[in-house]
Amino acid sequence: MPIALTMGEPAGIGGEIALLAWLRRKEANVPPFFVIDDPARLERIAASLGWSARLRRVDAPQQAEAVFADALPVLPLALPQPATPGRPDPAHAPAVIEAIATGAALAKAGRAGALVTNPIQKEALYAAGFRHPGHTEFLAELAGGAAPVMMLACSELRVVLVTIHQPLREALAALRVERIVAVGRVAAAGLVRDFGIPRPRLAVAGLNPHAGERGTLGREEIDIIAPAVAELRAAGVDASGPAPADTLFHPAARQRYDAALCMYHDQALIPLKTIDFAGGINVTLGLPFIRTSPDHGTALDIAGTGKADPTSLIAALRLAGDMAARRARG
């Protein structure tokens, strides 16, 4: 089945990288995908940048594979007015949200092999009444209340977040043994099912400097993280830690685990983006369908200039295709 790709923020680079991913489909071995977007918007982008990208409107996902070699399939979703690069408009928010909901429904129903989401501009959605912190939480609701787990991946590292889009003070207050255990179990299952790792190794990061120095720099490792690691091991998950975060991400340390469980957002994203800023991928585990996304924002400052780099989107499409193929094989 072809992959569904959402429009993302219409004023951002989503349309450009979607077009570039299709233009580079052969050299980059991009699996067939279709875009849920406004064809007129994509045509304007291609024309303004001088790209010879052919578009083909499709009525259903199953038509996409037949046309993908010759044209970018587009499942039409009209915007109320043209988008201006670099200038988000809350009037576009309903269409952005509808694209996500449509893609999730198609993936959940098995009519799309996976869902790949282009970056959204949250402020524009919030101004229109969107109440979710981000894609991950919205997709969880669309999936019927699933407990999603956010993974970021590149060729050198996978990180899994115990807390996601929360202010740091709230994220630290939210740490619980049961949360770490739940995230670890979903992460281990995802590594088996979607990455083909039969016995995944999880390295669990500490929270405090030097993993608390046996309580002298904080007791979270003793009271919360170590008991969670013990529960994971008792459940058959190969988990180790808590490990000092400042020594967890160098090349030799990364050879000792398949994914690192991190306690808060930046603890996970800083090392991953340092290692591979352009090629990082966001993967949502724990959903009833496959979802990946480029690990970057809307890049409003370069939207419309043709400078957007499609590397992360291409990687997200390829990973989604690999995951879908692995699930199809059972």
Protein backbone atom coordinates (compact mmCIF):
# COMPACT_ATOMS: atom_id res chain seq x y z
CA MET A 1 0.00 0.00 0.00
CA PRO A 2 1.24 3.55 -0.72
CA ILE A 3 2.18 5.87 2.12
CA ALA A 4 0.00 8.86 3.06
CA LEU A 5 1.87 12.17 3.45
CA THR A 6 0.12 15.15 5.05
CA MET A 7 0.46 18.75 3.87
CA GLY A 8 1.80 20.16 7.14
CA GLU A 9 1.92 23.94 7.57
CA PRO A 10 1.01 25.45 4.17
CA ALA A 11 3.30 28.44 4.74
CA GLY A 12 6.27 26.20 5.55
CA ILE A 13 8.53 23.91 3.55
CA GLY A 14 6.27 20.83 3.58
CA GLY A 15 5.15 21.28 -0.01
CA GLU A 16 8.71 21.84 -1.22
CA ILE A 17 10.17 18.76 0.45
CA ALA A 18 7.23 16.64 -0.73
CA LEU A 19 7.92 17.71 -4.31
CA LEU A 20 11.67 17.17 -3.87
CA ALA A 21 11.11 13.70 -2.41
CA TRP A 22 9.09 12.78 -5.50
CA LEU A 23 11.64 14.34 -7.86
CA ARG A 24 14.39 12.27 -6.19
CA ARG A 25 12.26 9.12 -5.94
CA LYS A 26 14.52 6.99 -8.14
CA GLU A 27 17.95 7.99 -6.87
CA ALA A 28 16.80 7.94 -3.22
CA ASN A 29 14.71 4.75 -3.55
CA VAL A 30 11.60 6.48 -2.18
CA PRO A 31 8.58 4.14 -1.79
CA PRO A 32 5.29 5.16 -3.44
CA PHE A 33 3.41 7.84 -1.54
CA PHE A 34 0.56 10.27 -2.08
CA VAL A 35 0.14 13.74 -0.61
CA ILE A 36 -3.04 14.93 1.12
CA ASP A 37 -2.81 18.52 -0.02
CA ASP A 38 -4.16 21.28 -2.23
CA PRO A 39 -2.99 20.53 -5.80
CA ALA A 40 -3.13 24.20 -6.72
CA ARG A 41 -0.74 25.02 -3.86
CA LEU A 42 1.77 22.38 -4.99
CA GLU A 43 1.50 23.54 -8.60
CA ARG A 44 2.24 27.13 -7.54
CA ILE A 45 5.28 25.99 -5.54
CA ALA A 46 6.67 23.94 -8.42
CA ALA A 47 6.07 26.73 -10.93
CA SER A 48 7.62 29.43 -8.72
CA LEU A 49 10.79 27.34 -8.24
CA GLY A 50 11.03 26.13 -11.82
CA TRP A 51 10.63 22.47 -10.93
CA SER A 52 9.20 20.13 -13.58
CA ALA A 53 7.10 18.10 -11.16
CA ARG A 54 3.99 16.50 -12.61
CA LEU A 55 0.96 16.14 -10.32
CA ARG A 56 -1.95 13.75 -10.64
CA ARG A 57 -5.15 14.00 -8.62
CA VAL A 58 -6.31 10.67 -7.19
CA ASP A 59 -9.64 9.75 -5.65
CA ALA A 60 -8.34 6.94 -3.46
CA PRO A 61 -4.98 5.72 -2.13
CA GLN A 62 -5.00 2.56 -4.25
CA GLN A 63 -4.64 4.72 -7.38
CA ALA A 64 -1.37 6.20 -6.18
CA GLU A 65 0.98 3.31 -6.95
CA ALA A 66 -0.09 3.18 -10.59
CA VAL A 67 0.76 6.84 -11.22
CA PHE A 68 3.70 7.36 -8.84
CA ALA A 69 6.40 6.62 -11.42
CA ASP A 70 5.16 9.41 -13.69
CA ALA A 71 3.44 11.91 -11.39
CA LEU A 72 3.11 12.85 -7.74
CA PRO A 73 -0.29 11.55 -6.60
CA VAL A 74 -2.34 14.12 -4.69
CA LEU A 75 -5.49 13.35 -2.71
CA PRO A 76 -7.11 16.79 -3.02
CA LEU A 77 -7.82 18.93 0.02
CA ALA A 78 -8.54 22.56 -0.83
CA LEU A 79 -7.24 25.48 1.21
CA PRO A 80 -9.69 28.36 1.75
CA GLN A 81 -7.17 30.80 0.27
CA PRO A 82 -3.63 30.68 -1.15
CA ALA A 83 -0.78 30.30 1.33
CA THR A 84 2.03 32.86 1.54
CA PRO A 85 5.45 31.30 2.22
CA GLY A 86 6.72 32.21 5.66
CA ARG A 87 3.40 33.64 6.88
CA PRO A 88 1.17 31.10 8.67
CA ASP A 89 -2.55 31.82 8.56
CA PRO A 90 -4.97 30.37 11.17
CA ALA A 91 -7.55 30.16 8.38
CA HIS A 92 -5.59 27.20 7.03
CA ALA A 93 -5.73 25.30 10.34
CA PRO A 94 -8.90 23.29 9.57
CA ALA A 95 -7.35 21.95 6.37
CA VAL A 96 -4.08 21.10 8.14
CA ILE A 97 -5.99 19.21 10.83
CA GLU A 98 -8.20 17.48 8.24
CA ALA A 99 -5.13 16.26 6.36
CA ILE A 100 -3.79 14.63 9.53
CA ALA A 101 -7.16 13.10 10.41
CA THR A 102 -7.65 11.80 6.86
CA GLY A 103 -4.19 10.26 6.73
CA ALA A 104 -4.62 8.62 10.13
CA ALA A 105 -8.00 7.18 9.15
CA LEU A 106 -6.59 5.75 5.92
CA ALA A 107 -3.62 4.20 7.72
CA LYS A 108 -5.79 2.85 10.52
CA ALA A 109 -8.16 1.27 7.98
CA GLY A 110 -5.26 -0.34 6.09
CA ARG A 111 -5.87 1.76 2.98
CA ALA A 112 -2.47 3.42 3.37
CA GLY A 113 0.61 1.48 4.34
CA ALA A 114 1.72 4.16 6.79
CA LEU A 115 1.27 7.81 7.72
CA VAL A 116 4.07 10.35 7.31
CA THR A 117 3.36 13.82 8.64
CA ASN A 118 4.91 17.04 7.40
CA PRO A 119 5.78 19.61 10.10
CA ILE A 120 3.01 21.79 11.52
CA GLN A 121 3.15 25.31 12.97
CA LYS A 122 1.54 24.85 16.34
CA GLU A 123 0.93 28.53 17.05
CA ALA A 124 -1.26 28.81 13.95
CA LEU A 125 -3.24 25.75 15.01
CA TYR A 126 -3.59 26.99 18.60
CA ALA A 127 -4.99 30.28 17.30
CA ALA A 128 -7.70 28.25 15.57
CA GLY A 129 -8.56 26.28 18.71
CA PHE A 130 -6.32 23.20 18.33
CA ARG A 131 -5.94 21.85 21.87
CA HIS A 132 -3.21 19.23 21.53
CA PRO A 133 0.47 19.87 22.36
CA GLY A 134 1.53 18.34 19.05
CA HIS A 135 1.10 15.67 16.41
CA THR A 136 1.78 12.78 18.78
CA GLU A 137 -1.00 13.61 21.20
CA PHE A 138 -3.50 14.34 18.41
CA LEU A 139 -2.74 11.02 16.70
CA ALA A 140 -3.24 9.23 20.02
CA GLU A 141 -6.76 10.65 20.21
CA LEU A 142 -7.46 9.74 16.59
CA ALA A 143 -6.28 6.21 17.35
CA GLY A 144 -8.89 5.86 20.06
CA GLY A 145 -6.91 6.85 23.11
CA ALA A 146 -3.69 4.95 22.50
CA ALA A 147 -0.69 5.60 24.74
CA PRO A 148 1.86 6.86 22.20
CA VAL A 149 5.60 6.71 22.67
CA MET A 150 7.84 9.14 20.81
CA MET A 151 11.05 7.82 19.28
CA LEU A 152 13.60 9.83 17.34
CA ALA A 153 15.90 7.83 15.11
CA CYS A 154 18.84 8.24 12.77
CA SER A 155 21.39 5.77 11.46
CA GLU A 156 23.58 6.15 14.57
CA LEU A 157 21.07 6.50 17.41
CA ARG A 158 17.52 5.85 18.59
CA VAL A 159 16.12 7.76 21.55
CA VAL A 160 12.75 7.26 23.25
CA LEU A 161 11.09 9.96 25.37
CA VAL A 162 9.47 9.22 28.72
CA THR A 163 7.96 12.73 28.82
CA ILE A 164 7.31 14.66 25.63
CA HIS A 165 5.95 18.17 25.06
CA GLN A 166 5.88 19.55 28.59
CA PRO A 167 7.66 22.43 30.27
CA LEU A 168 10.74 21.05 31.99
CA ARG A 169 9.41 21.65 35.50
CA GLU A 170 6.21 19.74 34.68
CA ALA A 171 8.09 16.96 32.90
CA LEU A 172 10.28 16.29 35.92
CA ALA A 173 7.29 16.33 38.25
CA ALA A 174 5.54 13.81 35.96
CA LEU A 175 8.24 11.13 36.19
CA ARG A 176 6.77 7.94 37.63
CA VAL A 177 7.95 4.35 37.82
CA GLU A 178 4.88 3.16 35.94
CA ARG A 179 5.41 5.71 33.13
CA ILE A 180 9.01 4.64 32.55
CA VAL A 181 7.97 0.98 32.57
CA ALA A 182 5.12 1.57 30.11
CA VAL A 183 7.35 3.52 27.73
CA GLY A 184 10.10 0.90 27.97
CA ARG A 185 7.72 -1.93 27.17
CA VAL A 186 6.24 -0.14 24.15
CA ALA A 187 9.72 0.77 22.94
CA ALA A 188 10.96 -2.82 23.24
CA ALA A 189 7.91 -4.16 21.41
CA GLY A 190 8.33 -1.55 18.66
CA LEU A 191 12.00 -2.43 18.18
CA VAL A 192 11.01 -6.07 17.72
CA ARG A 193 8.01 -5.49 15.45
CA ASP A 194 9.10 -2.55 13.35
CA PHE A 195 12.90 -2.66 13.42
CA GLY A 196 13.45 -6.41 13.36
CA ILE A 197 15.58 -6.51 16.53
CA PRO A 198 14.71 -9.82 18.24
CA ARG A 199 16.05 -8.92 21.71
CA PRO A 200 16.37 -5.15 21.97
CA ARG A 201 18.67 -3.56 24.52
CA LEU A 202 17.42 -0.43 26.27
CA ALA A 203 19.75 1.97 28.05
CA VAL A 204 17.84 4.07 30.57
CA ALA A 205 19.23 7.54 31.20
CA GLY A 206 19.45 9.08 34.61
CA LEU A 207 17.86 12.42 35.32
CA ASN A 208 20.41 14.23 37.47
CA PRO A 209 24.10 14.99 36.83
CA HIS A 210 26.15 11.78 37.08
CA ALA A 211 22.89 9.86 37.55
CA GLY A 212 22.47 11.40 40.99
CA GLU A 213 25.81 10.35 42.50
CA ARG A 214 24.06 7.79 44.75
CA GLY A 215 21.59 10.38 45.99
CA THR A 216 23.94 13.28 46.64
CA LEU A 217 22.77 15.07 43.48
CA GLY A 218 19.14 13.95 43.58
CA ARG A 219 17.12 10.87 44.49
CA GLU A 220 15.08 10.34 41.31
CA GLU A 221 17.47 7.63 40.15
CA ILE A 222 17.09 5.75 43.44
CA ASP A 223 13.37 6.29 44.00
CA ILE A 224 11.98 6.21 40.44
CA ILE A 225 14.34 5.21 37.65
CA ALA A 226 16.17 2.23 39.18
CA PRO A 227 12.90 0.58 40.33
CA ALA A 228 11.53 1.06 36.80
CA VAL A 229 14.60 -0.61 35.31
CA ALA A 230 14.13 -3.50 37.73
CA GLU A 231 10.48 -3.88 36.69
CA LEU A 232 11.42 -3.86 33.02
CA ARG A 233 14.02 -6.55 33.57
CA ALA A 234 11.52 -8.63 35.55
CA ALA A 235 9.16 -8.33 32.55
CA GLY A 236 11.82 -9.73 30.24
CA VAL A 237 13.08 -6.46 28.77
CA ASP A 238 16.86 -6.14 28.48
CA ALA A 239 17.11 -2.76 30.24
CA SER A 240 20.13 -1.23 31.95
CA GLY A 241 20.68 1.92 33.97
CA PRO A 242 20.12 4.51 35.17
CA ALA A 243 23.18 5.73 33.28
CA PRO A 244 24.70 9.22 33.41
CA ALA A 245 23.35 11.05 30.38
CA ASP A 246 26.65 12.83 29.74
CA THR A 247 28.40 9.54 28.94
CA LEU A 248 25.52 7.75 27.20
CA PHE A 249 25.77 9.08 23.66
CA HIS A 250 29.40 8.89 22.56
CA PRO A 251 30.18 6.36 19.80
CA ALA A 252 31.46 3.53 22.01
CA ALA A 253 28.50 3.84 24.40
CA ARG A 254 26.00 3.71 21.52
CA GLN A 255 27.26 0.26 20.55
CA ARG A 256 25.92 -1.14 23.83
CA TYR A 257 22.21 -0.48 23.26
CA ASP A 258 19.53 -0.34 20.56
CA ALA A 259 17.63 2.61 22.02
CA ALA A 260 18.11 5.02 24.89
CA LEU A 261 15.17 5.88 27.17
CA CYS A 262 15.41 9.57 28.03
CA MET A 263 13.59 11.33 30.80
CA TYR A 264 12.74 14.60 29.04
CA HIS A 265 12.58 16.16 25.58
CA ASP A 266 15.95 17.87 25.23
CA GLN A 267 17.88 15.04 26.89
CA ALA A 268 16.86 12.97 23.85
CA LEU A 269 16.78 15.49 21.02
CA ILE A 270 20.05 17.32 21.64
CA PRO A 271 22.28 14.26 21.06
CA LEU A 272 20.22 13.02 18.13
CA LYS A 273 20.16 16.35 16.35
CA THR A 274 23.86 16.85 17.03
CA ILE A 275 24.65 13.49 15.44
CA ASP A 276 22.34 13.85 12.41
CA PHE A 277 20.45 17.12 12.19
CA ALA A 278 19.30 16.64 8.59
CA GLY A 279 18.45 12.94 8.68
CA GLY A 280 16.61 12.46 11.98
CA ILE A 281 13.19 10.81 11.93
CA ASN A 282 10.30 11.03 14.40
CA VAL A 283 8.57 7.66 14.94
CA THR A 284 5.41 7.27 17.02
CA LEU A 285 5.26 3.85 18.67
CA GLY A 286 2.17 2.43 20.34
CA LEU A 287 -0.33 3.43 17.63
CA PRO A 288 -2.42 0.92 15.65
CA PHE A 289 -0.73 2.21 12.47
CA ILE A 290 2.74 3.31 11.39
CA ARG A 291 3.60 6.98 11.73
CA THR A 292 6.88 8.70 10.96
CA SER A 293 7.79 12.32 10.40
CA PRO A 294 10.82 14.44 9.51
CA ASP A 295 12.55 15.61 12.66
CA HIS A 296 12.56 19.32 11.89
CA GLY A 297 10.16 22.22 11.89
CA THR A 298 8.37 24.25 9.26
CA ALA A 299 11.44 26.39 8.43
CA LEU A 300 9.36 29.50 7.73
CA ASP A 301 12.52 31.54 7.20
CA ILE A 302 13.43 29.65 4.02
CA ALA A 303 9.95 28.65 2.80
CA GLY A 304 9.46 29.45 -0.87
CA THR A 305 13.18 29.85 -1.59
CA GLY A 306 13.90 26.31 -2.80
CA LYS A 307 16.59 25.87 -0.13
CA ALA A 308 14.67 23.22 1.85
CA ASP A 309 16.50 19.94 2.42
CA PRO A 310 14.28 16.85 1.89
CA THR A 311 16.75 14.45 3.53
CA SER A 312 14.72 13.90 6.70
CA LEU A 313 11.43 13.48 4.83
CA ILE A 314 13.00 10.99 2.43
CA ALA A 315 14.38 9.08 5.42
CA ALA A 316 10.93 9.16 7.09
CA LEU A 317 9.26 7.83 3.93
CA ARG A 318 11.84 5.08 3.52
CA LEU A 319 11.60 4.02 7.16
CA ALA A 320 7.79 4.01 6.96
CA GLY A 321 8.03 1.82 3.87
CA ASP A 322 10.44 -0.58 5.59
CA MET A 323 8.20 -0.81 8.66
CA ALA A 324 5.13 -1.43 6.52
CA ALA A 325 6.90 -4.18 4.58
CA ARG A 326 8.08 -5.81 7.81
CA ARG A 327 4.54 -5.80 9.24
CA ALA A 328 3.15 -7.20 5.99
CA ARG A 329 5.59 -10.11 6.24
CA GLY A 330 4.24 -10.78 9.74
